[in-house]
């Protein structure tokens, strides 16, 4: 049975790629993140791959925040009504990475919507490594620079001082703070996994396994997708390139390359308190 959907996601999990995949079915409308609502439907997967492979790609930090205020503040019903007005020929409407679970379930009208909700995830080590790059890139965008500075001052630092897991005075550089901010984003994901149980899908599997991708599309939209079309998406690969081409890709290699201070931060903030939580969704943390 098909019904409207929401794929929650903290980002950096091939969410725009996933959006184009879901939108490849003629009966499905997909909005992505806080981009213009029809950016996927009127967009071009191949053209965006060209932009996304640029070494200094700020698209997600700039164009990707055009409707941030509107989307985050709109009632869900009003948002989905806008989807229908934009693309009346679709039968099923949804979004990917427009909300994280805590945002979605804080919406006053969530209980009225009967949404099919699933969670899109990325390995915590890979997420921290990639998010760290995003935080540093955000220094070029005043709005996001202020956002992360405020996050550190109001959330990260008070939590470190309160819990005593790490000594904040040992993490004082911009790079240190970016790493801790990224760790706390994963802490938010762990808390959401606990508070809002739902079907979880791993980016790493969806982007490499055609059967898994087909199952995901079926679960989310209720429709069967052309296996050849899904295979083509997998073969073409990712859209955005948030890290340098030579960056390590395997979580174990990434972790091993971190300094002992960063390994300790990850262990104390994420692995030790949330090892079981991430293990249950397919991400064992050694």
Protein backbone atom coordinates (compact mmCIF):
# COMPACT_ATOMS: atom_id res chain seq x y z
CA UNK A 1 0.00 0.00 0.00
CA UNK A 2 1.35 3.42 -0.94
CA UNK A 3 1.22 6.42 1.38
CA UNK A 4 3.09 9.65 1.89
CA UNK A 5 6.51 9.25 3.43
CA UNK A 6 9.35 10.95 5.25
CA UNK A 7 12.93 9.70 5.19
CA UNK A 8 14.57 11.27 8.23
CA UNK A 9 18.30 11.84 8.04
CA UNK A 10 21.09 13.84 9.64
CA UNK A 11 22.71 14.27 6.24
CA UNK A 12 25.96 13.04 4.69
CA UNK A 13 24.26 9.73 3.93
CA UNK A 14 23.77 10.03 0.15
CA UNK A 15 20.41 11.68 0.84
CA UNK A 16 20.31 13.66 -2.41
CA UNK A 17 21.28 10.55 -4.37
CA UNK A 18 18.51 8.65 -2.57
CA UNK A 19 16.06 11.44 -3.43
CA UNK A 20 16.78 11.17 -7.14
CA UNK A 21 16.45 7.38 -6.93
CA UNK A 22 13.02 7.59 -5.27
CA UNK A 23 11.89 10.29 -7.71
CA UNK A 24 12.78 8.09 -10.69
CA UNK A 25 9.36 6.48 -10.33
CA UNK A 26 6.77 8.53 -12.26
CA UNK A 27 4.21 8.33 -9.46
CA UNK A 28 6.51 9.66 -6.71
CA UNK A 29 7.24 13.27 -5.71
CA UNK A 30 10.34 13.83 -3.58
CA UNK A 31 11.58 16.99 -1.89
CA UNK A 32 15.10 17.03 -0.52
CA UNK A 33 16.48 18.74 2.56
CA UNK A 34 15.77 22.46 2.66
CA UNK A 35 16.36 23.03 -1.04
CA UNK A 36 13.57 24.46 -3.20
CA UNK A 37 10.69 22.01 -2.90
CA UNK A 38 10.86 20.88 -6.53
CA UNK A 39 14.67 20.85 -6.83
CA UNK A 40 14.71 17.08 -7.31
CA UNK A 41 11.71 16.88 -9.62
CA UNK A 42 13.01 19.62 -11.91
CA UNK A 43 16.66 18.82 -11.33
CA UNK A 44 19.14 16.67 -13.21
CA UNK A 45 21.00 13.85 -11.51
CA UNK A 46 23.82 13.92 -14.05
CA UNK A 47 24.21 17.71 -13.94
CA UNK A 48 24.35 17.71 -10.16
CA UNK A 49 27.02 15.03 -10.17
CA UNK A 50 29.22 17.44 -12.15
CA UNK A 51 28.68 20.16 -9.53
CA UNK A 52 29.06 17.74 -6.65
CA UNK A 53 32.46 16.51 -7.79
CA UNK A 54 33.98 19.99 -7.64
CA UNK A 55 36.70 20.14 -5.02
CA UNK A 56 35.12 23.06 -3.16
CA UNK A 57 31.45 22.19 -3.45
CA UNK A 58 29.34 24.47 -1.25
CA UNK A 59 26.01 23.69 -2.93
CA UNK A 60 24.53 21.97 0.11
CA UNK A 61 25.61 24.86 2.34
CA UNK A 62 24.22 27.54 0.05
CA UNK A 63 21.46 26.45 -2.35
CA UNK A 64 20.64 23.63 0.07
CA UNK A 65 19.45 26.07 2.74
CA UNK A 66 17.20 28.28 0.61
CA UNK A 67 13.97 27.15 2.32
CA UNK A 68 15.39 26.21 5.73
CA UNK A 69 13.15 28.53 7.72
CA UNK A 70 9.99 27.68 5.76
CA UNK A 71 10.42 23.92 5.93
CA UNK A 72 11.43 23.74 9.57
CA UNK A 73 8.55 25.98 10.68
CA UNK A 74 5.73 24.84 8.39
CA UNK A 75 3.02 22.51 9.66
CA UNK A 76 3.43 19.15 7.98
CA UNK A 77 0.00 19.28 6.34
CA UNK A 78 0.79 22.65 4.75
CA UNK A 79 4.12 21.35 3.52
CA UNK A 80 2.63 18.25 1.89
CA UNK A 81 -0.16 20.37 0.40
CA UNK A 82 2.56 22.43 -1.28
CA UNK A 83 4.07 19.24 -2.69
CA UNK A 84 0.71 18.32 -4.22
CA UNK A 85 0.23 21.77 -5.68
CA UNK A 86 3.67 21.67 -7.29
CA UNK A 87 3.35 18.15 -8.75
CA UNK A 88 -0.32 17.11 -8.99
CA UNK A 89 0.44 14.19 -11.31
CA UNK A 90 2.16 12.20 -8.55
CA UNK A 91 0.37 9.69 -6.32
CA UNK A 92 2.78 9.56 -3.39
CA UNK A 93 4.60 12.52 -1.82
CA UNK A 94 7.51 12.70 0.56
CA UNK A 95 10.83 14.17 1.54
CA UNK A 96 14.34 13.01 2.35
CA UNK A 97 16.60 14.76 4.88
CA UNK A 98 14.13 17.60 5.45
CA UNK A 99 13.87 16.56 9.10
CA UNK A 100 15.71 14.57 11.72
CA UNK A 101 13.45 12.40 13.89
CA UNK A 102 13.31 14.77 16.85
CA UNK A 103 12.17 17.59 14.54
CA UNK A 104 9.59 15.49 12.74
CA UNK A 105 7.97 14.13 15.91
CA UNK A 106 7.88 17.60 17.45
CA UNK A 107 5.51 18.74 14.70
CA UNK A 108 2.07 19.32 16.28
CA UNK A 109 0.23 17.67 13.38
CA UNK A 110 2.46 14.59 13.01
CA UNK A 111 -0.26 12.32 14.44
CA UNK A 112 -2.70 13.49 11.77
CA UNK A 113 -0.47 12.68 8.82
CA UNK A 114 -0.21 8.87 8.72
CA UNK A 115 3.28 9.12 7.23
CA UNK A 116 5.48 6.18 6.40
CA UNK A 117 8.67 7.16 8.27
CA UNK A 118 12.08 5.52 7.90
CA UNK A 119 15.57 6.56 8.96
CA UNK A 120 18.60 6.89 6.65
CA UNK A 121 21.95 6.40 8.38
CA UNK A 122 25.69 6.40 7.82
CA UNK A 123 28.43 4.69 9.84
CA UNK A 124 29.18 6.94 12.84
CA UNK A 125 32.94 7.05 12.16
CA UNK A 126 32.45 8.00 8.52
CA UNK A 127 29.79 10.51 9.47
CA UNK A 128 32.04 12.27 11.99
CA UNK A 129 34.91 12.38 9.51
CA UNK A 130 32.74 13.88 6.76
CA UNK A 131 30.77 16.20 9.04
CA UNK A 132 34.03 17.55 10.41
CA UNK A 133 34.89 18.72 6.88
CA UNK A 134 31.47 20.35 6.53
CA UNK A 135 31.87 22.29 9.78
CA UNK A 136 35.23 23.60 8.61
CA UNK A 137 33.80 24.52 5.18
CA UNK A 138 30.98 26.37 6.94
CA UNK A 139 33.50 28.99 8.03
CA UNK A 140 33.03 30.40 4.51
CA UNK A 141 29.28 30.92 5.09
CA UNK A 142 28.46 33.45 7.81
CA UNK A 143 25.07 31.96 8.73
CA UNK A 144 26.48 28.46 9.23
CA UNK A 145 29.62 29.73 10.91
CA UNK A 146 27.41 31.39 13.52
CA UNK A 147 25.23 28.27 13.71
CA UNK A 148 28.15 26.01 14.63
CA UNK A 149 29.70 28.54 17.00
CA UNK A 150 26.37 28.77 18.82
CA UNK A 151 26.02 24.98 18.85
CA UNK A 152 29.44 24.62 20.44
CA UNK A 153 28.80 27.33 23.05
CA UNK A 154 25.26 26.28 24.01
CA UNK A 155 25.32 22.52 23.59
CA UNK A 156 28.76 20.97 23.26
CA UNK A 157 30.73 22.90 25.86
CA UNK A 158 28.03 22.77 28.59
CA UNK A 159 27.62 19.02 28.03
CA UNK A 160 31.36 18.43 28.30
CA UNK A 161 31.55 20.47 31.49
CA UNK A 162 28.48 18.76 32.95
CA UNK A 163 29.36 15.17 32.13
CA UNK A 164 33.12 15.32 32.62
CA UNK A 165 33.77 12.78 29.86
CA UNK A 166 36.43 15.00 28.27
CA UNK A 167 38.48 17.99 29.31
CA UNK A 168 37.38 20.88 27.02
CA UNK A 169 40.70 22.65 27.58
CA UNK A 170 42.39 19.85 25.62
CA UNK A 171 40.26 20.60 22.54
CA UNK A 172 40.60 24.29 21.78
CA UNK A 173 41.52 24.69 18.09
CA UNK A 174 38.96 25.25 15.35
CA UNK A 175 39.66 21.72 14.12
CA UNK A 176 39.16 20.31 17.63
CA UNK A 177 35.84 22.07 18.06
CA UNK A 178 34.67 20.96 14.61
CA UNK A 179 35.44 17.35 15.56
CA UNK A 180 33.52 17.61 18.84
CA UNK A 181 30.55 19.26 17.12
CA UNK A 182 30.52 16.36 14.67
CA UNK A 183 30.61 13.84 17.51
CA UNK A 184 27.66 15.55 19.16
CA UNK A 185 25.70 15.30 15.93
CA UNK A 186 26.14 11.53 16.13
CA UNK A 187 25.08 11.65 19.80
CA UNK A 188 21.88 13.30 18.55
CA UNK A 189 21.39 10.44 16.10
CA UNK A 190 21.83 7.89 18.88
CA UNK A 191 19.29 9.63 21.08
CA UNK A 192 16.84 9.69 18.17
CA UNK A 193 17.35 5.98 17.57
CA UNK A 194 16.40 5.36 21.19
CA UNK A 195 13.47 7.78 21.33
CA UNK A 196 11.96 7.08 17.90
CA UNK A 197 12.31 3.44 16.82
CA UNK A 198 11.62 3.02 13.09
CA UNK A 199 12.96 1.07 10.13
CA UNK A 200 16.60 2.07 9.58
CA UNK A 201 18.51 1.84 6.30
CA UNK A 202 22.28 2.08 5.89
CA UNK A 203 23.68 4.31 3.18
CA UNK A 204 26.57 1.94 2.57
CA UNK A 205 24.22 -0.90 1.61
CA UNK A 206 21.78 1.17 -0.46
CA UNK A 207 24.53 2.63 -2.64
CA UNK A 208 26.10 -0.74 -3.48
CA UNK A 209 23.36 -3.41 -3.38
CA UNK A 210 20.61 -3.30 -6.00
CA UNK A 211 18.33 -5.68 -4.12
CA UNK A 212 18.67 -3.65 -0.92
CA UNK A 213 17.94 -0.44 -2.84
CA UNK A 214 14.86 -2.00 -4.44
CA UNK A 215 13.63 -3.11 -1.04
CA UNK A 216 14.17 0.37 0.37
CA UNK A 217 12.22 1.99 -2.47
CA UNK A 218 9.40 -0.50 -2.05
CA UNK A 219 9.28 0.04 1.71
CA UNK A 220 9.26 3.83 1.40
CA UNK A 221 6.88 4.35 -1.53
CA UNK A 222 4.96 1.10 -1.91
CA UNK A 223 6.01 0.86 -5.58
CA UNK A 224 8.26 -1.51 -7.48
CA UNK A 225 11.22 0.13 -9.23
CA UNK A 226 12.97 -0.86 -12.44
CA UNK A 227 16.03 -2.94 -11.45
CA UNK A 228 18.01 -1.65 -14.44
CA UNK A 229 17.35 1.96 -13.43
CA UNK A 230 18.47 1.26 -9.87
CA UNK A 231 21.60 -0.47 -11.13
CA UNK A 232 22.39 2.59 -13.23
CA UNK A 233 22.17 4.87 -10.19
CA UNK A 234 24.53 2.60 -8.28
CA UNK A 235 26.96 2.44 -11.19
CA UNK A 236 27.08 6.22 -11.58
CA UNK A 237 27.82 6.71 -7.90
CA UNK A 238 27.43 9.57 -5.49
CA UNK A 239 26.44 13.15 -6.23
CA UNK A 240 28.25 15.18 -3.61
CA UNK A 241 31.96 14.97 -2.83
CA UNK A 242 32.28 16.42 0.67
CA UNK A 243 35.84 15.21 1.14
CA UNK A 244 38.97 15.10 -0.97
CA UNK A 245 39.33 12.21 -3.41
CA UNK A 246 42.28 10.82 -1.46
CA UNK A 247 40.33 10.75 1.83
CA UNK A 248 40.06 7.38 3.55
CA UNK A 249 36.71 5.63 3.06
CA UNK A 250 36.62 2.61 5.36
CA UNK A 251 35.59 3.34 8.97
CA UNK A 252 38.42 1.26 10.45
CA UNK A 253 41.01 3.12 8.36
CA UNK A 254 39.48 6.50 9.21
CA UNK A 255 39.49 5.71 12.92
CA UNK A 256 43.08 4.44 12.83
CA UNK A 257 44.21 7.67 11.16
CA UNK A 258 42.70 9.89 13.85
CA UNK A 259 44.97 11.21 16.56
CA UNK A 260 44.71 9.49 19.97
CA UNK A 261 42.88 12.58 21.30
CA UNK A 262 40.21 12.23 18.64
CA UNK A 263 39.95 8.49 19.15
CA UNK A 264 39.42 9.13 22.85
CA UNK A 265 36.74 11.74 22.12
CA UNK A 266 34.86 9.32 19.86
CA UNK A 267 35.18 6.51 22.41
CA UNK A 268 33.97 8.60 25.35
CA UNK A 269 31.18 10.50 23.58
CA UNK A 270 29.84 7.86 21.16
CA UNK A 271 31.26 4.33 21.30
CA UNK A 272 31.11 3.74 25.03
CA UNK A 273 27.59 5.07 25.73
CA UNK A 274 25.97 4.10 22.41
CA UNK A 275 27.80 0.98 21.20
CA UNK A 276 24.71 -1.21 21.58
CA UNK A 277 22.43 1.37 19.93
CA UNK A 278 24.51 1.52 16.77
CA UNK A 279 25.18 -2.20 16.79
CA UNK A 280 21.44 -2.84 16.59
CA UNK A 281 21.20 -0.90 13.30
CA UNK A 282 24.17 -2.67 11.75
CA UNK A 283 27.09 -0.49 12.81
CA UNK A 284 29.30 -2.38 15.28
CA UNK A 285 31.71 -0.04 17.05
CA UNK A 286 34.88 -1.85 18.11
